[in-house]
PDB file of N, CA and C in Angstrom:
ATOM      1  N   MET A   1      68.928 117.661  35.436  1.00  0.00           N
ATOM      2  CA  MET A   1      68.835 119.401  35.339  1.00  0.00           C
ATOM      3  C   MET A   1      70.540 119.613  34.570  1.00  0.00           C
ATOM      4  N   ALA A   2      70.544 120.466  34.173  1.00  0.00           N
ATOM      5  CA  ALA A   2      71.927 120.742  33.273  1.00  0.00           C
ATOM      6  C   ALA A   2      72.381 121.716  34.101  1.00  0.00           C
ATOM      7  N   ASP A   3      73.664 121.435  34.334  1.00  0.00           N
ATOM      8  CA  ASP A   3      74.528 122.318  35.204  1.00  0.00           C
ATOM      9  C   ASP A   3      74.569 123.868  35.168  1.00  0.00           C
ATOM     10  N   PRO A   4      74.481 124.864  35.812  1.00  0.00           N
ATOM     11  CA  PRO A   4      74.539 126.112  35.685  1.00  0.00           C
ATOM     12  C   PRO A   4      75.856 126.888  35.113  1.00  0.00           C
ATOM     13  N   GLN A   5      75.780 128.087  34.378  1.00  0.00           N
ATOM     14  CA  GLN A   5      76.692 128.712  33.881  1.00  0.00           C
ATOM     15  C   GLN A   5      77.510 129.039  34.872  1.00  0.00           C
ATOM     16  N   ILE A   6      78.991 128.841  34.639  1.00  0.00           N
ATOM     17  CA  ILE A   6      79.620 129.282  35.850  1.00  0.00           C
ATOM     18  C   ILE A   6      79.904 131.288  35.460  1.00  0.00           C
ATOM     19  N   ALA A   7      79.338 131.728  36.033  1.00  0.00           N
ATOM     20  CA  ALA A   7      79.458 133.316  35.903  1.00  0.00           C
ATOM     21  C   ALA A   7      81.074 134.045  36.296  1.00  0.00           C
ATOM     22  N   GLN A   8      81.937 133.350  37.368  1.00  0.00           N
ATOM     23  CA  GLN A   8      82.815 133.384  37.572  1.00  0.00           C
ATOM     24  C   GLN A   8      83.291 132.782  38.814  1.00  0.00           C
ATOM     25  N   LYS A   9      84.620 132.334  38.492  1.00  0.00           N
ATOM     26  CA  LYS A   9      85.332 131.358  39.733  1.00  0.00           C
ATOM     27  C   LYS A   9      85.788 132.066  40.841  1.00  0.00           C
ATOM     28  N   SER A  10      85.092 132.548  41.671  1.00  0.00           N
ATOM     29  CA  SER A  10      85.211 133.349  42.798  1.00  0.00           C
ATOM     30  C   SER A  10      83.968 134.065  43.105  1.00  0.00           C
ATOM     31  N   PRO A  11      83.665 134.193  44.535  1.00  0.00           N
ATOM     32  CA  PRO A  11      82.648 134.643  45.020  1.00  0.00           C
ATOM     33  C   PRO A  11      82.540 136.605  44.843  1.00  0.00           C
ATOM     34  N   PHE A  12      81.169 136.719  44.500  1.00  0.00           N
ATOM     35  CA  PHE A  12      81.066 138.299  44.674  1.00  0.00           C
ATOM     36  C   PHE A  12      81.049 138.802  45.785  1.00  0.00           C
ATOM     37  N   VAL A  13      82.047 139.399  46.539  1.00  0.00           N
ATOM     38  CA  VAL A  13      81.766 139.816  47.650  1.00  0.00           C
ATOM     39  C   VAL A  13      81.507 141.293  47.708  1.00  0.00           C
ATOM     40  N   GLU A  14      80.380 141.746  48.204  1.00  0.00           N
ATOM     41  CA  GLU A  14      80.022 142.948  48.038  1.00  0.00           C
ATOM     42  C   GLU A  14      79.282 143.170  49.884  1.00  0.00           C
ATOM     43  N   GLU A  15      79.413 144.650  49.977  1.00  0.00           N
ATOM     44  CA  GLU A  15      78.879 144.979  51.336  1.00  0.00           C
ATOM     45  C   GLU A  15      77.254 145.533  50.713  1.00  0.00           C
ATOM     46  N   THR A  16      76.450 144.473  51.352  1.00  0.00           N
ATOM     47  CA  THR A  16      75.157 144.286  51.227  1.00  0.00           C
ATOM     48  C   THR A  16      74.058 144.945  52.570  1.00  0.00           C
ATOM     49  N   GLU A  17      73.073 146.128  51.658  1.00  0.00           N
ATOM     50  CA  GLU A  17      72.544 146.447  52.679  1.00  0.00           C
ATOM     51  C   GLU A  17      71.238 145.427  53.169  1.00  0.00           C
ATOM     52  N   PRO A  18      70.261 145.753  54.073  1.00  0.00           N
ATOM     53  CA  PRO A  18      69.533 144.864  54.318  1.00  0.00           C
ATOM     54  C   PRO A  18      68.141 145.075  53.203  1.00  0.00           C
ATOM     55  N   GLY A  19      67.379 144.072  53.104  1.00  0.00           N
ATOM     56  CA  GLY A  19      66.574 143.962  51.972  1.00  0.00           C
ATOM     57  C   GLY A  19      66.402 142.295  51.458  1.00  0.00           C
ATOM     58  N   THR A  20      65.414 142.171  50.367  1.00  0.00           N
ATOM     59  CA  THR A  20      65.329 141.147  49.875  1.00  0.00           C
ATOM     60  C   THR A  20      65.869 140.982  48.794  1.00  0.00           C
ATOM     61  N   TYR A  21      67.273 140.114  48.584  1.00  0.00           N
ATOM     62  CA  TYR A  21      67.586 139.742  47.186  1.00  0.00           C
ATOM     63  C   TYR A  21      67.041 138.358  46.575  1.00  0.00           C
ATOM     64  N   TRP A  22      67.325 138.279  45.140  1.00  0.00           N
ATOM     65  CA  TRP A  22      67.197 137.235  44.606  1.00  0.00           C
ATOM     66  C   TRP A  22      68.384 136.617  43.887  1.00  0.00           C
ATOM     67  N   TRP A  23      69.314 135.427  44.345  1.00  0.00           N
ATOM     68  CA  TRP A  23      70.195 135.203  43.714  1.00  0.00           C
ATOM     69  C   TRP A  23      70.241 134.242  42.710  1.00  0.00           C
ATOM     70  N   CYS A  24      70.857 134.879  41.676  1.00  0.00           N
ATOM     71  CA  CYS A  24      70.998 133.927  40.376  1.00  0.00           C
ATOM     72  C   CYS A  24      71.445 132.542  40.538  1.00  0.00           C
ATOM     73  N   ALA A  25      70.781 131.585  40.125  1.00  0.00           N
ATOM     74  CA  ALA A  25      71.263 129.923  40.399  1.00  0.00           C
ATOM     75  C   ALA A  25      71.604 129.519  39.084  1.00  0.00           C
ATOM     76  N   CYS A  26      71.135 130.431  37.680  1.00  0.00           N
ATOM     77  CA  CYS A  26      71.799 129.886  36.487  1.00  0.00           C
ATOM     78  C   CYS A  26      73.083 130.292  36.120  1.00  0.00           C
ATOM     79  N   GLY A  27      73.380 131.273  36.409  1.00  0.00           N
ATOM     80  CA  GLY A  27      74.480 131.866  35.914  1.00  0.00           C
ATOM     81  C   GLY A  27      74.479 132.932  34.590  1.00  0.00           C
ATOM     82  N   LYS A  28      73.464 133.009  34.306  1.00  0.00           N
ATOM     83  CA  LYS A  28      73.255 133.781  33.160  1.00  0.00           C
ATOM     84  C   LYS A  28      72.932 135.360  33.410  1.00  0.00           C
ATOM     85  N   SER A  29      72.334 135.518  34.143  1.00  0.00           N
ATOM     86  CA  SER A  29      72.135 137.007  34.320  1.00  0.00           C
ATOM     87  C   SER A  29      73.114 137.947  34.167  1.00  0.00           C
ATOM     88  N   GLY A  30      72.927 139.074  33.873  1.00  0.00           N
ATOM     89  CA  GLY A  30      73.626 140.008  33.696  1.00  0.00           C
ATOM     90  C   GLY A  30      74.046 140.919  34.571  1.00  0.00           C
ATOM     91  N   ASP A  31      73.080 140.611  35.850  1.00  0.00           N
ATOM     92  CA  ASP A  31      73.479 141.611  36.926  1.00  0.00           C
ATOM     93  C   ASP A  31      73.675 140.962  38.190  1.00  0.00           C
ATOM     94  N   GLN A  32      74.916 139.815  38.134  1.00  0.00           N
ATOM     95  CA  GLN A  32      75.261 138.838  39.122  1.00  0.00           C
ATOM     96  C   GLN A  32      75.839 139.838  39.848  1.00  0.00           C
ATOM     97  N   PRO A  33      75.489 139.285  40.923  1.00  0.00           N
ATOM     98  CA  PRO A  33      75.259 137.658  41.597  1.00  0.00           C
ATOM     99  C   PRO A  33      73.759 137.391  41.389  1.00  0.00           C
ATOM    100  N   PHE A  34      73.054 138.507  41.131  1.00  0.00           N
ATOM    101  CA  PHE A  34      71.673 138.761  41.468  1.00  0.00           C
ATOM    102  C   PHE A  34      70.753 138.475  39.893  1.00  0.00           C
ATOM    103  N   CYS A  35      69.711 137.919  40.301  1.00  0.00           N
ATOM    104  CA  CYS A  35      68.861 137.412  39.130  1.00  0.00           C
ATOM    105  C   CYS A  35      67.918 138.553  38.062  1.00  0.00           C
ATOM    106  N   ASP A  36      67.863 138.820  36.972  1.00  0.00           N
ATOM    107  CA  ASP A  36      67.756 139.364  35.900  1.00  0.00           C
ATOM    108  C   ASP A  36      66.631 138.913  35.048  1.00  0.00           C
ATOM    109  N   GLY A  37      66.134 137.800  35.656  1.00  0.00           N
ATOM    110  CA  GLY A  37      65.454 136.823  34.555  1.00  0.00           C
ATOM    111  C   GLY A  37      65.856 136.167  33.503  1.00  0.00           C
ATOM    112  N   ALA A  38      67.062 135.961  33.099  1.00  0.00           N
ATOM    113  CA  ALA A  38      67.768 135.255  32.269  1.00  0.00           C
ATOM    114  C   ALA A  38      67.286 133.771  32.191  1.00  0.00           C
ATOM    115  N   HIS A  39      67.092 133.285  33.505  1.00  0.00           N
ATOM    116  CA  HIS A  39      66.833 131.791  33.546  1.00  0.00           C
ATOM    117  C   HIS A  39      65.466 131.544  32.869  1.00  0.00           C
ATOM    118  N   LYS A  40      64.574 132.423  32.372  1.00  0.00           N
ATOM    119  CA  LYS A  40      63.373 131.854  31.847  1.00  0.00           C
ATOM    120  C   LYS A  40      63.614 131.261  30.704  1.00  0.00           C
ATOM    121  N   GLY A  41      62.829 130.185  30.655  1.00  0.00           N
ATOM    122  CA  GLY A  41      62.946 128.906  29.798  1.00  0.00           C
ATOM    123  C   GLY A  41      63.896 127.838  29.909  1.00  0.00           C
ATOM    124  N   THR A  42      64.269 127.730  31.439  1.00  0.00           N
ATOM    125  CA  THR A  42      65.065 126.620  32.303  1.00  0.00           C
ATOM    126  C   THR A  42      64.732 126.311  33.189  1.00  0.00           C
ATOM    127  N   ALA A  43      65.383 125.301  33.786  1.00  0.00           N
ATOM    128  CA  ALA A  43      64.905 124.713  35.042  1.00  0.00           C
ATOM    129  C   ALA A  43      65.213 125.206  36.078  1.00  0.00           C
ATOM    130  N   PHE A  44      65.969 126.078  36.365  1.00  0.00           N
ATOM    131  CA  PHE A  44      66.880 126.923  37.128  1.00  0.00           C
ATOM    132  C   PHE A  44      65.485 127.694  37.725  1.00  0.00           C
ATOM    133  N   VAL A  45      65.395 128.513  38.745  1.00  0.00           N
ATOM    134  CA  VAL A  45      64.984 129.727  39.516  1.00  0.00           C
ATOM    135  C   VAL A  45      66.089 130.212  40.666  1.00  0.00           C
ATOM    136  N   PRO A  46      65.490 131.148  40.968  1.00  0.00           N
ATOM    137  CA  PRO A  46      66.426 132.075  41.810  1.00  0.00           C
ATOM    138  C   PRO A  46      66.171 131.794  43.380  1.00  0.00           C
ATOM    139  N   LEU A  47      67.156 132.288  44.026  1.00  0.00           N
ATOM    140  CA  LEU A  47      66.960 131.580  45.408  1.00  0.00           C
ATOM    141  C   LEU A  47      66.489 132.863  46.136  1.00  0.00           C
ATOM    142  N   GLU A  48      65.647 133.308  46.977  1.00  0.00           N
ATOM    143  CA  GLU A  48      65.426 134.462  47.657  1.00  0.00           C
ATOM    144  C   GLU A  48      66.076 134.220  48.835  1.00  0.00           C
ATOM    145  N   HIS A  49      66.566 135.514  49.364  1.00  0.00           N
ATOM    146  CA  HIS A  49      67.576 135.671  50.424  1.00  0.00           C
ATOM    147  C   HIS A  49      66.938 136.891  50.957  1.00  0.00           C
ATOM    148  N   ALA A  50      67.158 136.884  52.448  1.00  0.00           N
ATOM    149  CA  ALA A  50      66.513 138.305  53.250  1.00  0.00           C
ATOM    150  C   ALA A  50      67.884 138.602  53.945  1.00  0.00           C
ATOM    151  N   VAL A  51      68.542 139.723  53.707  1.00  0.00           N
ATOM    152  CA  VAL A  51      69.615 140.288  54.608  1.00  0.00           C
ATOM    153  C   VAL A  51      68.799 141.048  55.851  1.00  0.00           C
ATOM    154  N   THR A  52      68.750 140.926  57.000  1.00  0.00           N
ATOM    155  CA  THR A  52      68.184 141.581  58.055  1.00  0.00           C
ATOM    156  C   THR A  52      69.211 142.893  58.337  1.00  0.00           C
ATOM    157  N   GLU A  53      70.713 142.900  58.241  1.00  0.00           N
ATOM    158  CA  GLU A  53      71.489 143.680  58.608  1.00  0.00           C
ATOM    159  C   GLU A  53      72.658 144.194  57.642  1.00  0.00           C
ATOM    160  N   LYS A  54      73.008 145.284  57.476  1.00  0.00           N
ATOM    161  CA  LYS A  54      73.981 145.296  56.437  1.00  0.00           C
ATOM    162  C   LYS A  54      75.294 144.800  56.805  1.00  0.00           C
ATOM    163  N   ALA A  55      75.829 143.786  55.809  1.00  0.00           N
ATOM    164  CA  ALA A  55      76.983 143.248  56.034  1.00  0.00           C
ATOM    165  C   ALA A  55      77.855 142.989  54.830  1.00  0.00           C
ATOM    166  N   THR A  56      78.827 142.585  54.972  1.00  0.00           N
ATOM    167  CA  THR A  56      79.768 141.876  53.949  1.00  0.00           C
ATOM    168  C   THR A  56      79.692 140.635  53.584  1.00  0.00           C
ATOM    169  N   LEU A  57      79.057 140.172  52.503  1.00  0.00           N
ATOM    170  CA  LEU A  57      78.711 138.943  52.136  1.00  0.00           C
ATOM    171  C   LEU A  57      79.423 138.411  50.985  1.00  0.00           C
ATOM    172  N   ALA A  58      79.582 137.213  50.733  1.00  0.00           N
ATOM    173  CA  ALA A  58      80.281 136.595  49.689  1.00  0.00           C
ATOM    174  C   ALA A  58      79.488 135.683  48.764  1.00  0.00           C
ATOM    175  N   TRP A  59      79.077 136.297  47.998  1.00  0.00           N
ATOM    176  CA  TRP A  59      77.650 135.514  47.367  1.00  0.00           C
ATOM    177  C   TRP A  59      78.430 134.478  45.944  1.00  0.00           C
ATOM    178  N   CYS A  60      77.899 133.462  46.007  1.00  0.00           N
ATOM    179  CA  CYS A  60      78.425 132.754  44.977  1.00  0.00           C
ATOM    180  C   CYS A  60      78.784 132.869  43.711  1.00  0.00           C
ATOM    181  N   GLY A  61      79.513 132.645  43.080  1.00  0.00           N
ATOM    182  CA  GLY A  61      79.578 133.163  41.422  1.00  0.00           C
ATOM    183  C   GLY A  61      79.920 132.094  40.917  1.00  0.00           C
ATOM    184  N   CYS A  62      80.098 130.793  41.179  1.00  0.00           N
ATOM    185  CA  CYS A  62      80.569 129.788  40.301  1.00  0.00           C
ATOM    186  C   CYS A  62      78.900 128.819  39.807  1.00  0.00           C
ATOM    187  N   LYS A  63      78.107 129.254  41.217  1.00  0.00           N
ATOM    188  CA  LYS A  63      76.781 128.541  41.042  1.00  0.00           C
ATOM    189  C   LYS A  63      76.766 127.047  41.426  1.00  0.00           C
ATOM    190  N   HIS A  64      77.997 126.598  41.920  1.00  0.00           N
ATOM    191  CA  HIS A  64      78.282 125.075  42.173  1.00  0.00           C
ATOM    192  C   HIS A  64      77.943 124.877  43.812  1.00  0.00           C
ATOM    193  N   THR A  65      77.779 126.331  44.590  1.00  0.00           N
ATOM    194  CA  THR A  65      78.060 125.750  45.816  1.00  0.00           C
ATOM    195  C   THR A  65      76.840 125.184  46.699  1.00  0.00           C
ATOM    196  N   LYS A  66      77.561 124.274  47.758  1.00  0.00           N
ATOM    197  CA  LYS A  66      76.685 123.552  48.321  1.00  0.00           C
ATOM    198  C   LYS A  66      75.629 124.380  49.472  1.00  0.00           C
ATOM    199  N   THR A  67      76.138 125.427  49.442  1.00  0.00           N
ATOM    200  CA  THR A  67      75.381 126.390  50.659  1.00  0.00           C
ATOM    201  C   THR A  67      74.998 127.850  50.064  1.00  0.00           C
ATOM    202  N   PRO A  68      74.138 127.564  48.996  1.00  0.00           N
ATOM    203  CA  PRO A  68      73.607 128.658  48.250  1.00  0.00           C
ATOM    204  C   PRO A  68      72.725 129.497  49.234  1.00  0.00           C
ATOM    205  N   PRO A  69      73.028 130.860  49.072  1.00  0.00           N
ATOM    206  CA  PRO A  69      73.628 131.320  47.882  1.00  0.00           C
ATOM    207  C   PRO A  69      74.926 131.877  47.933  1.00  0.00           C
ATOM    208  N   PHE A  70      75.474 131.561  49.057  1.00  0.00           N
ATOM    209  CA  PHE A  70      76.763 132.220  49.488  1.00  0.00           C
ATOM    210  C   PHE A  70      78.157 130.959  49.161  1.00  0.00           C
ATOM    211  N   CYS A  71      79.116 131.788  49.081  1.00  0.00           N
ATOM    212  CA  CYS A  71      80.111 131.004  48.495  1.00  0.00           C
ATOM    213  C   CYS A  71      80.761 129.538  49.402  1.00  0.00           C
ATOM    214  N   ASP A  72      81.268 128.299  48.970  1.00  0.00           N
ATOM    215  CA  ASP A  72      81.677 127.951  50.195  1.00  0.00           C
ATOM    216  C   ASP A  72      83.012 126.992  49.537  1.00  0.00           C
ATOM    217  N   GLY A  73      83.504 127.275  48.649  1.00  0.00           N
ATOM    218  CA  GLY A  73      84.720 127.539  47.857  1.00  0.00           C
ATOM    219  C   GLY A  73      84.716 126.421  46.826  1.00  0.00           C
ATOM    220  N   SER A  74      83.704 126.067  46.279  1.00  0.00           N
ATOM    221  CA  SER A  74      83.386 125.019  45.224  1.00  0.00           C
ATOM    222  C   SER A  74      84.043 125.386  44.149  1.00  0.00           C
ATOM    223  N   HIS A  75      84.137 126.494  43.912  1.00  0.00           N
ATOM    224  CA  HIS A  75      84.939 127.131  42.990  1.00  0.00           C
ATOM    225  C   HIS A  75      86.174 126.770  42.572  1.00  0.00           C
ATOM    226  N   ARG A  76      86.840 126.320  43.345  1.00  0.00           N
ATOM    227  CA  ARG A  76      88.247 125.532  43.488  1.00  0.00           C
ATOM    228  C   ARG A  76      88.307 124.577  43.107  1.00  0.00           C
ATOM    229  N   ALA A  77      87.383 123.669  42.848  1.00  0.00           N
ATOM    230  CA  ALA A  77      87.156 122.107  42.237  1.00  0.00           C
ATOM    231  C   ALA A  77      86.983 122.384  40.828  1.00  0.00           C
ATOM    232  N   LEU A  78      86.751 123.473  40.404  1.00  0.00           N
ATOM    233  CA  LEU A  78      85.898 123.854  38.922  1.00  0.00           C
ATOM    234  C   LEU A  78      87.151 123.634  37.954  1.00  0.00           C
TER     235      LEU A  78
END
């Protein structure tokens, strides 16, 4: 599988309401950090994540995290 496109070399830190979110794994979405369908035709698929209570979350922006969909600092090595 090809490497994902790096959307940004830092997390997307957002106050997130409860709900179901689809994290972009390919890095091509125009609605980062969430999927807008730009992965179609690639081997990438978005990752579904349910948020049960309002929280400030650090969604991975580099798409190289070992703990998807959240930032683990992997962007520091890119």
